[in-house]
Amino acid sequence: MARVGDRITIKDAEPSKKLVRASIEELGEPHVQNWLKLDQTALAADVIATPTRDDVMIPVEDQLIVEFCSR
């Protein structure tokens, strides 16, 4: 689990770096969540805040998660 202050990086291997750079070039400017600070030069991101429920960009049905976890 990532916490505030953590730095998220990719594997320090040239094939990994090439893959990420190619993806960035293909997809264009990345959309970064407001709780992350992206460093494209270093191919890293810093967690600057704890994400809230409103920060989740994918559709999630909270009640289904609660029901599943309560089994």
PDB file of N, CA and C in Angstrom:
ATOM      1  N   MET A   1       0.846  -1.180   0.000  1.00  0.00           N
ATOM      2  CA  MET A   1       0.000   0.000   0.000  1.00  0.00           C
ATOM      3  C   MET A   1       0.887   1.238   0.000  1.00  0.00           C
ATOM      4  N   ALA A   2       0.613   2.139  -0.879  1.00  0.00           N
ATOM      5  CA  ALA A   2       1.376   3.384  -0.956  1.00  0.00           C
ATOM      6  C   ALA A   2       0.857   4.365   0.085  1.00  0.00           C
ATOM      7  N   ARG A   3       1.785   5.073   0.700  1.00  0.00           N
ATOM      8  CA  ARG A   3       1.446   6.066   1.720  1.00  0.00           C
ATOM      9  C   ARG A   3       1.958   7.438   1.288  1.00  0.00           C
ATOM     10  N   VAL A   4       1.426   8.467   1.900  1.00  0.00           N
ATOM     11  CA  VAL A   4       1.884   9.825   1.615  1.00  0.00           C
ATOM     12  C   VAL A   4       3.386   9.887   1.864  1.00  0.00           C
ATOM     13  N   GLY A   5       4.099  10.438   0.899  1.00  0.00           N
ATOM     14  CA  GLY A   5       5.551  10.534   0.996  1.00  0.00           C
ATOM     15  C   GLY A   5       6.276   9.440   0.229  1.00  0.00           C
ATOM     16  N   ASP A   6       5.577   8.380  -0.169  1.00  0.00           N
ATOM     17  CA  ASP A   6       6.190   7.295  -0.938  1.00  0.00           C
ATOM     18  C   ASP A   6       6.488   7.755  -2.358  1.00  0.00           C
ATOM     19  N   ARG A   7       7.515   7.171  -2.939  1.00  0.00           N
ATOM     20  CA  ARG A   7       7.876   7.427  -4.341  1.00  0.00           C
ATOM     21  C   ARG A   7       7.631   6.135  -5.106  1.00  0.00           C
ATOM     22  N   ILE A   8       6.866   6.221  -6.170  1.00  0.00           N
ATOM     23  CA  ILE A   8       6.537   5.067  -7.001  1.00  0.00           C
ATOM     24  C   ILE A   8       7.398   5.139  -8.255  1.00  0.00           C
ATOM     25  N   THR A   9       8.159   4.090  -8.503  1.00  0.00           N
ATOM     26  CA  THR A   9       9.051   4.072  -9.658  1.00  0.00           C
ATOM     27  C   THR A   9       8.841   2.779 -10.444  1.00  0.00           C
ATOM     28  N   ILE A  10       9.413   2.750 -11.625  1.00  0.00           N
ATOM     29  CA  ILE A  10       9.387   1.515 -12.401  1.00  0.00           C
ATOM     30  C   ILE A  10      10.683   0.766 -12.138  1.00  0.00           C
ATOM     31  N   LYS A  11      10.707  -0.471 -12.552  1.00  0.00           N
ATOM     32  CA  LYS A  11      11.894  -1.307 -12.403  1.00  0.00           C
ATOM     33  C   LYS A  11      13.085  -0.624 -13.079  1.00  0.00           C
ATOM     34  N   ASP A  12      14.223  -0.622 -12.415  1.00  0.00           N
ATOM     35  CA  ASP A  12      15.414   0.040 -12.945  1.00  0.00           C
ATOM     36  C   ASP A  12      16.108  -0.859 -13.966  1.00  0.00           C
ATOM     37  N   ALA A  13      15.433  -1.060 -15.073  1.00  0.00           N
ATOM     38  CA  ALA A  13      15.974  -1.870 -16.173  1.00  0.00           C
ATOM     39  C   ALA A  13      15.606  -1.160 -17.479  1.00  0.00           C
ATOM     40  N   GLU A  14      16.526  -1.135 -18.398  1.00  0.00           N
ATOM     41  CA  GLU A  14      16.305  -0.406 -19.646  1.00  0.00           C
ATOM     42  C   GLU A  14      15.061  -0.869 -20.419  1.00  0.00           C
ATOM     43  N   PRO A  15      14.771  -2.184 -20.500  1.00  0.00           N
ATOM     44  CA  PRO A  15      13.544  -2.590 -21.211  1.00  0.00           C
ATOM     45  C   PRO A  15      12.273  -2.000 -20.570  1.00  0.00           C
ATOM     46  N   SER A  16      12.250  -1.934 -19.242  1.00  0.00           N
ATOM     47  CA  SER A  16      11.091  -1.361 -18.555  1.00  0.00           C
ATOM     48  C   SER A  16      10.960   0.123 -18.865  1.00  0.00           C
ATOM     49  N   LYS A  17      12.086   0.824 -18.827  1.00  0.00           N
ATOM     50  CA  LYS A  17      12.070   2.260 -19.107  1.00  0.00           C
ATOM     51  C   LYS A  17      11.631   2.527 -20.541  1.00  0.00           C
ATOM     52  N   LYS A  18      12.125   1.723 -21.479  1.00  0.00           N
ATOM     53  CA  LYS A  18      11.736   1.898 -22.883  1.00  0.00           C
ATOM     54  C   LYS A  18      10.236   1.681 -23.068  1.00  0.00           C
ATOM     55  N   LEU A  19       9.702   0.668 -22.403  1.00  0.00           N
ATOM     56  CA  LEU A  19       8.275   0.367 -22.503  1.00  0.00           C
ATOM     57  C   LEU A  19       7.434   1.529 -21.983  1.00  0.00           C
ATOM     58  N   VAL A  20       7.817   2.079 -20.854  1.00  0.00           N
ATOM     59  CA  VAL A  20       7.059   3.187 -20.274  1.00  0.00           C
ATOM     60  C   VAL A  20       7.168   4.429 -21.160  1.00  0.00           C
ATOM     61  N   ARG A  21       8.364   4.732 -21.628  1.00  0.00           N
ATOM     62  CA  ARG A  21       8.531   5.899 -22.501  1.00  0.00           C
ATOM     63  C   ARG A  21       7.728   5.749 -23.792  1.00  0.00           C
ATOM     64  N   ALA A  22       7.727   4.543 -24.356  1.00  0.00           N
ATOM     65  CA  ALA A  22       6.949   4.299 -25.579  1.00  0.00           C
ATOM     66  C   ALA A  22       5.457   4.478 -25.316  1.00  0.00           C
ATOM     67  N   SER A  23       4.998   4.019 -24.165  1.00  0.00           N
ATOM     68  CA  SER A  23       3.579   4.175 -23.815  1.00  0.00           C
ATOM     69  C   SER A  23       3.214   5.642 -23.661  1.00  0.00           C
ATOM     70  N   ILE A  24       4.093   6.418 -23.025  1.00  0.00           N
ATOM     71  CA  ILE A  24       3.831   7.847 -22.847  1.00  0.00           C
ATOM     72  C   ILE A  24       3.771   8.544 -24.205  1.00  0.00           C
ATOM     73  N   GLU A  25       4.695   8.194 -25.096  1.00  0.00           N
ATOM     74  CA  GLU A  25       4.691   8.797 -26.429  1.00  0.00           C
ATOM     75  C   GLU A  25       3.430   8.426 -27.207  1.00  0.00           C
ATOM     76  N   GLU A  26       3.013   7.176 -27.086  1.00  0.00           N
ATOM     77  CA  GLU A  26       1.842   6.700 -27.823  1.00  0.00           C
ATOM     78  C   GLU A  26       0.547   7.299 -27.290  1.00  0.00           C
ATOM     79  N   LEU A  27       0.423   7.387 -25.979  1.00  0.00           N
ATOM     80  CA  LEU A  27      -0.825   7.838 -25.364  1.00  0.00           C
ATOM     81  C   LEU A  27      -0.888   9.345 -25.168  1.00  0.00           C
ATOM     82  N   GLY A  28       0.245  10.014 -25.267  1.00  0.00           N
ATOM     83  CA  GLY A  28       0.261  11.453 -25.059  1.00  0.00           C
ATOM     84  C   GLY A  28       0.432  11.803 -23.595  1.00  0.00           C
ATOM     85  N   GLU A  29       0.155  13.034 -23.279  1.00  0.00           N
ATOM     86  CA  GLU A  29       0.316  13.536 -21.909  1.00  0.00           C
ATOM     87  C   GLU A  29      -0.553  12.730 -20.943  1.00  0.00           C
ATOM     88  N   PRO A  30       0.060  12.151 -19.917  1.00  0.00           N
ATOM     89  CA  PRO A  30      -0.724  11.324 -18.993  1.00  0.00           C
ATOM     90  C   PRO A  30      -1.646  12.161 -18.111  1.00  0.00           C
ATOM     91  N   HIS A  31      -2.800  11.599 -17.795  1.00  0.00           N
ATOM     92  CA  HIS A  31      -3.724  12.221 -16.851  1.00  0.00           C
ATOM     93  C   HIS A  31      -3.315  11.734 -15.465  1.00  0.00           C
ATOM     94  N   VAL A  32      -2.894  12.637 -14.620  1.00  0.00           N
ATOM     95  CA  VAL A  32      -2.384  12.273 -13.302  1.00  0.00           C
ATOM     96  C   VAL A  32      -3.407  12.656 -12.246  1.00  0.00           C
ATOM     97  N   GLN A  33      -3.653  11.737 -11.344  1.00  0.00           N
ATOM     98  CA  GLN A  33      -4.555  12.007 -10.232  1.00  0.00           C
ATOM     99  C   GLN A  33      -4.002  13.156  -9.397  1.00  0.00           C
ATOM    100  N   ASN A  34      -4.894  13.916  -8.746  1.00  0.00           N
ATOM    101  CA  ASN A  34      -4.441  15.081  -7.986  1.00  0.00           C
ATOM    102  C   ASN A  34      -3.706  14.706  -6.703  1.00  0.00           C
ATOM    103  N   TRP A  35      -3.693  13.448  -6.334  1.00  0.00           N
ATOM    104  CA  TRP A  35      -2.960  13.015  -5.139  1.00  0.00           C
ATOM    105  C   TRP A  35      -1.569  12.472  -5.480  1.00  0.00           C
ATOM    106  N   LEU A  36      -1.206  12.559  -6.765  1.00  0.00           N
ATOM    107  CA  LEU A  36       0.119  12.150  -7.229  1.00  0.00           C
ATOM    108  C   LEU A  36       0.837  13.323  -7.874  1.00  0.00           C
ATOM    109  N   LYS A  37       2.146  13.340  -7.743  1.00  0.00           N
ATOM    110  CA  LYS A  37       2.973  14.325  -8.438  1.00  0.00           C
ATOM    111  C   LYS A  37       3.900  13.542  -9.356  1.00  0.00           C
ATOM    112  N   LEU A  38       3.739  13.728 -10.657  1.00  0.00           N
ATOM    113  CA  LEU A  38       4.473  12.969 -11.659  1.00  0.00           C
ATOM    114  C   LEU A  38       5.792  13.641 -12.010  1.00  0.00           C
ATOM    115  N   ASP A  39       6.833  12.819 -12.090  1.00  0.00           N
ATOM    116  CA  ASP A  39       8.147  13.261 -12.554  1.00  0.00           C
ATOM    117  C   ASP A  39       8.459  12.443 -13.800  1.00  0.00           C
ATOM    118  N   GLN A  40       8.077  12.985 -14.974  1.00  0.00           N
ATOM    119  CA  GLN A  40       8.245  12.226 -16.216  1.00  0.00           C
ATOM    120  C   GLN A  40       9.704  11.985 -16.566  1.00  0.00           C
ATOM    121  N   THR A  41      10.570  12.884 -16.191  1.00  0.00           N
ATOM    122  CA  THR A  41      11.989  12.709 -16.483  1.00  0.00           C
ATOM    123  C   THR A  41      12.546  11.485 -15.762  1.00  0.00           C
ATOM    124  N   ALA A  42      12.188  11.328 -14.495  1.00  0.00           N
ATOM    125  CA  ALA A  42      12.674  10.203 -13.694  1.00  0.00           C
ATOM    126  C   ALA A  42      11.762   8.982 -13.805  1.00  0.00           C
ATOM    127  N   LEU A  43      10.662   9.118 -14.540  1.00  0.00           N
ATOM    128  CA  LEU A  43       9.663   8.047 -14.634  1.00  0.00           C
ATOM    129  C   LEU A  43       9.245   7.573 -13.243  1.00  0.00           C
ATOM    130  N   ALA A  44       8.817   8.547 -12.436  1.00  0.00           N
ATOM    131  CA  ALA A  44       8.426   8.261 -11.061  1.00  0.00           C
ATOM    132  C   ALA A  44       7.272   9.175 -10.673  1.00  0.00           C
ATOM    133  N   ALA A  45       6.619   8.803  -9.588  1.00  0.00           N
ATOM    134  CA  ALA A  45       5.543   9.632  -9.045  1.00  0.00           C
ATOM    135  C   ALA A  45       5.650   9.631  -7.529  1.00  0.00           C
ATOM    136  N   ASP A  46       5.332  10.767  -6.929  1.00  0.00           N
ATOM    137  CA  ASP A  46       5.326  10.897  -5.476  1.00  0.00           C
ATOM    138  C   ASP A  46       3.882  10.953  -5.003  1.00  0.00           C
ATOM    139  N   VAL A  47       3.582  10.229  -3.935  1.00  0.00           N
ATOM    140  CA  VAL A  47       2.255  10.276  -3.330  1.00  0.00           C
ATOM    141  C   VAL A  47       2.246  11.499  -2.420  1.00  0.00           C
ATOM    142  N   ILE A  48       1.424  12.497  -2.757  1.00  0.00           N
ATOM    143  CA  ILE A  48       1.414  13.745  -1.998  1.00  0.00           C
ATOM    144  C   ILE A  48       0.182  13.897  -1.112  1.00  0.00           C
ATOM    145  N   ALA A  49      -0.781  13.001  -1.254  1.00  0.00           N
ATOM    146  CA  ALA A  49      -1.985  13.052  -0.424  1.00  0.00           C
ATOM    147  C   ALA A  49      -2.649  11.676  -0.439  1.00  0.00           C
ATOM    148  N   THR A  50      -3.516  11.457   0.496  1.00  0.00           N
ATOM    149  CA  THR A  50      -4.300  10.225   0.520  1.00  0.00           C
ATOM    150  C   THR A  50      -5.499  10.411  -0.402  1.00  0.00           C
ATOM    151  N   PRO A  51      -5.696   9.499  -1.362  1.00  0.00           N
ATOM    152  CA  PRO A  51      -6.840   9.661  -2.265  1.00  0.00           C
ATOM    153  C   PRO A  51      -8.163   9.497  -1.506  1.00  0.00           C
ATOM    154  N   THR A  52      -9.150  10.263  -1.938  1.00  0.00           N
ATOM    155  CA  THR A  52     -10.486  10.163  -1.354  1.00  0.00           C
ATOM    156  C   THR A  52     -11.378   9.353  -2.287  1.00  0.00           C
ATOM    157  N   ARG A  53     -12.557   9.058  -1.849  1.00  0.00           N
ATOM    158  CA  ARG A  53     -13.509   8.309  -2.670  1.00  0.00           C
ATOM    159  C   ARG A  53     -13.790   9.043  -3.979  1.00  0.00           C
ATOM    160  N   ASP A  54     -13.842  10.356  -3.928  1.00  0.00           N
ATOM    161  CA  ASP A  54     -14.112  11.148  -5.130  1.00  0.00           C
ATOM    162  C   ASP A  54     -12.968  11.097  -6.134  1.00  0.00           C
ATOM    163  N   ASP A  55     -11.774  10.705  -5.689  1.00  0.00           N
ATOM    164  CA  ASP A  55     -10.615  10.611  -6.579  1.00  0.00           C
ATOM    165  C   ASP A  55     -10.630   9.354  -7.447  1.00  0.00           C
ATOM    166  N   VAL A  56     -11.443   8.375  -7.106  1.00  0.00           N
ATOM    167  CA  VAL A  56     -11.487   7.124  -7.860  1.00  0.00           C
ATOM    168  C   VAL A  56     -12.197   7.390  -9.186  1.00  0.00           C
ATOM    169  N   MET A  57     -11.482   7.123 -10.283  1.00  0.00           N
ATOM    170  CA  MET A  57     -12.004   7.460 -11.607  1.00  0.00           C
ATOM    171  C   MET A  57     -12.801   6.328 -12.258  1.00  0.00           C
ATOM    172  N   ILE A  58     -12.736   5.122 -11.696  1.00  0.00           N
ATOM    173  CA  ILE A  58     -13.467   4.001 -12.277  1.00  0.00           C
ATOM    174  C   ILE A  58     -14.770   3.812 -11.514  1.00  0.00           C
ATOM    175  N   PRO A  59     -15.814   3.326 -12.173  1.00  0.00           N
ATOM    176  CA  PRO A  59     -17.079   3.118 -11.460  1.00  0.00           C
ATOM    177  C   PRO A  59     -16.956   1.975 -10.449  1.00  0.00           C
ATOM    178  N   VAL A  60     -17.299   2.275  -9.201  1.00  0.00           N
ATOM    179  CA  VAL A  60     -17.212   1.297  -8.122  1.00  0.00           C
ATOM    180  C   VAL A  60     -18.517   1.327  -7.343  1.00  0.00           C
ATOM    181  N   GLU A  61     -19.053   0.153  -7.075  1.00  0.00           N
ATOM    182  CA  GLU A  61     -20.260   0.064  -6.248  1.00  0.00           C
ATOM    183  C   GLU A  61     -19.825  -0.346  -4.851  1.00  0.00           C
ATOM    184  N   ASP A  62     -19.739   0.647  -3.970  1.00  0.00           N
ATOM    185  CA  ASP A  62     -19.244   0.432  -2.614  1.00  0.00           C
ATOM    186  C   ASP A  62     -19.994  -0.676  -1.884  1.00  0.00           C
ATOM    187  N   GLN A  63     -21.294  -0.697  -2.038  1.00  0.00           N
ATOM    188  CA  GLN A  63     -22.106  -1.674  -1.310  1.00  0.00           C
ATOM    189  C   GLN A  63     -21.734  -3.107  -1.701  1.00  0.00           C
ATOM    190  N   LEU A  64     -21.431  -3.340  -2.966  1.00  0.00           N
ATOM    191  CA  LEU A  64     -21.032  -4.684  -3.387  1.00  0.00           C
ATOM    192  C   LEU A  64     -19.711  -5.103  -2.766  1.00  0.00           C
ATOM    193  N   ILE A  65     -18.803  -4.167  -2.592  1.00  0.00           N
ATOM    194  CA  ILE A  65     -17.531  -4.465  -1.931  1.00  0.00           C
ATOM    195  C   ILE A  65     -17.758  -4.820  -0.467  1.00  0.00           C
ATOM    196  N   VAL A  66     -18.599  -4.050   0.202  1.00  0.00           N
ATOM    197  CA  VAL A  66     -18.915  -4.326   1.618  1.00  0.00           C
ATOM    198  C   VAL A  66     -19.553  -5.696   1.754  1.00  0.00           C
ATOM    199  N   GLU A  67     -20.504  -6.015   0.882  1.00  0.00           N
ATOM    200  CA  GLU A  67     -21.172  -7.310   0.940  1.00  0.00           C
ATOM    201  C   GLU A  67     -20.184  -8.455   0.689  1.00  0.00           C
ATOM    202  N   PHE A  68     -19.300  -8.279  -0.264  1.00  0.00           N
ATOM    203  CA  PHE A  68     -18.314  -9.318  -0.576  1.00  0.00           C
ATOM    204  C   PHE A  68     -17.363  -9.542   0.600  1.00  0.00           C
ATOM    205  N   CYS A  69     -16.888  -8.465   1.208  1.00  0.00           N
ATOM    206  CA  CYS A  69     -15.927  -8.579   2.300  1.00  0.00           C
ATOM    207  C   CYS A  69     -16.569  -9.094   3.582  1.00  0.00           C
ATOM    208  N   SER A  70     -17.864  -8.967   3.721  1.00  0.00           N
ATOM    209  CA  SER A  70     -18.526  -9.409   4.946  1.00  0.00           C
ATOM    210  C   SER A  70     -18.900 -10.887   4.929  1.00  0.00           C
ATOM    211  N   ARG A  71     -18.588 -11.567   3.841  1.00  0.00           N
ATOM    212  CA  ARG A  71     -18.909 -13.010   3.776  1.00  0.00           C
ATOM    213  C   ARG A  71     -18.091 -13.810   4.745  1.00  0.00           C
TER     214      ARG A  71
END
